[in-house]
Amino acid sequence: MILKAKKAADHMEFGAFISREIRLLKIDRAMFREECHMSQSYLEDIKKGSIIMR
């Protein structure tokens, strides 16, 4: 299932959530970035709150 994103909402805890999940799953950042289908800039936009996942 591919999630679509909409702009104009706030999701300030996204970065903390991703970091926590990466630690819990014992995945390093490089491995996450290699497997994640989202670009780094897209993830940063989500973290800043300019995009939310629905």
N, C-alpha and C. Protein backbone atom coordinates (compact mmCIF):
# COMPACT_ATOMS: atom_id res chain seq x y z
N MET A 1 0.84 -1.18 0.00
CA MET A 1 0.00 0.00 0.00
C MET A 1 0.89 1.24 0.00
N ILE A 2 0.69 2.11 -0.95
CA ILE A 2 1.45 3.35 -1.03
C ILE A 2 0.61 4.46 -0.44
N LEU A 3 1.19 5.18 0.52
CA LEU A 3 0.47 6.28 1.15
C LEU A 3 0.68 7.56 0.36
N LYS A 4 -0.37 8.32 0.23
CA LYS A 4 -0.27 9.62 -0.45
C LYS A 4 -0.08 10.69 0.60
N ALA A 5 0.57 11.75 0.23
CA ALA A 5 0.83 12.86 1.16
C ALA A 5 0.04 14.08 0.74
N LYS A 6 -0.36 14.86 1.73
CA LYS A 6 -1.01 16.14 1.47
C LYS A 6 -0.20 17.21 2.16
N LYS A 7 -0.14 18.39 1.56
CA LYS A 7 0.61 19.49 2.15
C LYS A 7 -0.25 20.24 3.16
N ALA A 8 0.40 21.12 3.91
CA ALA A 8 -0.25 22.09 4.80
C ALA A 8 -0.77 21.51 6.10
N ALA A 9 -0.01 20.69 6.77
CA ALA A 9 -0.36 20.25 8.11
C ALA A 9 0.94 20.06 8.89
N ASP A 10 0.83 19.87 10.19
CA ASP A 10 2.00 19.81 11.05
C ASP A 10 2.20 18.40 11.59
N HIS A 11 3.43 17.93 11.57
CA HIS A 11 3.76 16.61 12.09
C HIS A 11 5.16 16.70 12.71
N MET A 12 5.26 17.45 13.80
CA MET A 12 6.57 17.76 14.38
C MET A 12 7.28 16.56 14.99
N GLU A 13 6.55 15.51 15.38
CA GLU A 13 7.19 14.36 16.03
C GLU A 13 7.72 13.33 15.04
N PHE A 14 7.59 13.59 13.75
CA PHE A 14 7.98 12.59 12.75
C PHE A 14 9.45 12.19 12.86
N GLY A 15 10.34 13.16 12.98
CA GLY A 15 11.76 12.86 13.08
C GLY A 15 12.09 12.00 14.30
N ALA A 16 11.47 12.34 15.43
CA ALA A 16 11.69 11.56 16.65
C ALA A 16 11.13 10.15 16.50
N PHE A 17 9.97 10.04 15.87
CA PHE A 17 9.36 8.72 15.64
C PHE A 17 10.26 7.84 14.77
N ILE A 18 10.73 8.39 13.66
CA ILE A 18 11.59 7.61 12.76
C ILE A 18 12.88 7.20 13.46
N SER A 19 13.49 8.13 14.18
CA SER A 19 14.73 7.82 14.91
C SER A 19 14.51 6.71 15.92
N ARG A 20 13.41 6.79 16.66
CA ARG A 20 13.10 5.77 17.68
C ARG A 20 12.88 4.41 17.02
N GLU A 21 12.12 4.38 15.93
CA GLU A 21 11.86 3.11 15.24
C GLU A 21 13.14 2.51 14.66
N ILE A 22 13.99 3.35 14.10
CA ILE A 22 15.26 2.87 13.54
C ILE A 22 16.10 2.23 14.65
N ARG A 23 16.15 2.89 15.83
CA ARG A 23 16.90 2.33 16.96
C ARG A 23 16.29 1.01 17.42
N LEU A 24 14.95 0.97 17.58
CA LEU A 24 14.29 -0.25 18.05
C LEU A 24 14.51 -1.43 17.10
N LEU A 25 14.52 -1.16 15.82
CA LEU A 25 14.70 -2.21 14.82
C LEU A 25 16.17 -2.52 14.55
N LYS A 26 17.05 -1.76 15.21
CA LYS A 26 18.50 -1.94 15.05
C LYS A 26 18.92 -1.82 13.58
N ILE A 27 18.39 -0.78 12.94
CA ILE A 27 18.73 -0.47 11.55
C ILE A 27 19.58 0.80 11.57
N ASP A 28 20.69 0.79 10.85
CA ASP A 28 21.46 2.04 10.80
C ASP A 28 20.87 2.97 9.74
N ARG A 29 21.20 4.24 9.85
CA ARG A 29 20.62 5.26 8.95
C ARG A 29 20.90 4.97 7.48
N ALA A 30 22.10 4.50 7.19
CA ALA A 30 22.45 4.21 5.80
C ALA A 30 21.54 3.12 5.23
N MET A 31 21.28 2.08 6.02
CA MET A 31 20.41 1.00 5.57
C MET A 31 18.98 1.52 5.37
N PHE A 32 18.51 2.36 6.30
CA PHE A 32 17.17 2.94 6.17
C PHE A 32 17.06 3.75 4.89
N ARG A 33 18.04 4.60 4.65
CA ARG A 33 18.01 5.46 3.45
C ARG A 33 18.07 4.63 2.17
N GLU A 34 18.80 3.53 2.21
CA GLU A 34 18.90 2.67 1.04
C GLU A 34 17.56 1.99 0.73
N GLU A 35 16.84 1.59 1.77
CA GLU A 35 15.59 0.85 1.58
C GLU A 35 14.35 1.73 1.48
N CYS A 36 14.40 2.92 2.03
CA CYS A 36 13.23 3.79 2.06
C CYS A 36 12.96 4.35 0.66
N HIS A 37 11.71 4.27 0.21
CA HIS A 37 11.37 4.76 -1.13
C HIS A 37 11.22 6.27 -1.19
N MET A 38 11.23 6.94 -0.03
CA MET A 38 11.07 8.40 0.00
C MET A 38 12.43 9.08 -0.06
N SER A 39 12.51 10.18 -0.77
CA SER A 39 13.77 10.92 -0.86
C SER A 39 14.06 11.62 0.47
N GLN A 40 15.31 11.95 0.70
CA GLN A 40 15.70 12.64 1.92
C GLN A 40 14.99 13.98 2.04
N SER A 41 14.85 14.71 0.95
CA SER A 41 14.18 16.01 1.01
C SER A 41 12.70 15.85 1.36
N TYR A 42 12.07 14.78 0.88
CA TYR A 42 10.67 14.51 1.20
C TYR A 42 10.53 14.21 2.69
N LEU A 43 11.43 13.40 3.24
CA LEU A 43 11.41 13.11 4.67
C LEU A 43 11.62 14.38 5.49
N GLU A 44 12.52 15.24 5.04
CA GLU A 44 12.75 16.51 5.74
C GLU A 44 11.51 17.40 5.70
N ASP A 45 10.80 17.43 4.57
CA ASP A 45 9.56 18.20 4.48
C ASP A 45 8.52 17.68 5.45
N ILE A 46 8.42 16.36 5.59
CA ILE A 46 7.49 15.78 6.55
C ILE A 46 7.88 16.20 7.96
N LYS A 47 9.18 16.10 8.27
CA LYS A 47 9.67 16.45 9.60
C LYS A 47 9.41 17.91 9.93
N LYS A 48 9.53 18.80 8.94
CA LYS A 48 9.28 20.23 9.15
C LYS A 48 7.80 20.53 9.31
N GLY A 49 6.96 19.61 8.89
CA GLY A 49 5.52 19.83 9.03
C GLY A 49 4.85 20.36 7.79
N SER A 50 5.57 20.44 6.67
CA SER A 50 4.95 20.96 5.45
C SER A 50 4.18 19.87 4.70
N ILE A 51 4.38 18.60 5.08
CA ILE A 51 3.66 17.48 4.47
C ILE A 51 3.27 16.53 5.60
N ILE A 52 2.08 15.95 5.53
CA ILE A 52 1.73 14.89 6.47
C ILE A 52 1.34 13.65 5.69
N MET A 53 1.52 12.51 6.30
CA MET A 53 1.12 11.24 5.70
C MET A 53 -0.31 10.95 6.12
N ARG A 54 -1.10 10.47 5.21
CA ARG A 54 -2.50 10.10 5.51
C ARG A 54 -2.66 8.62 5.35
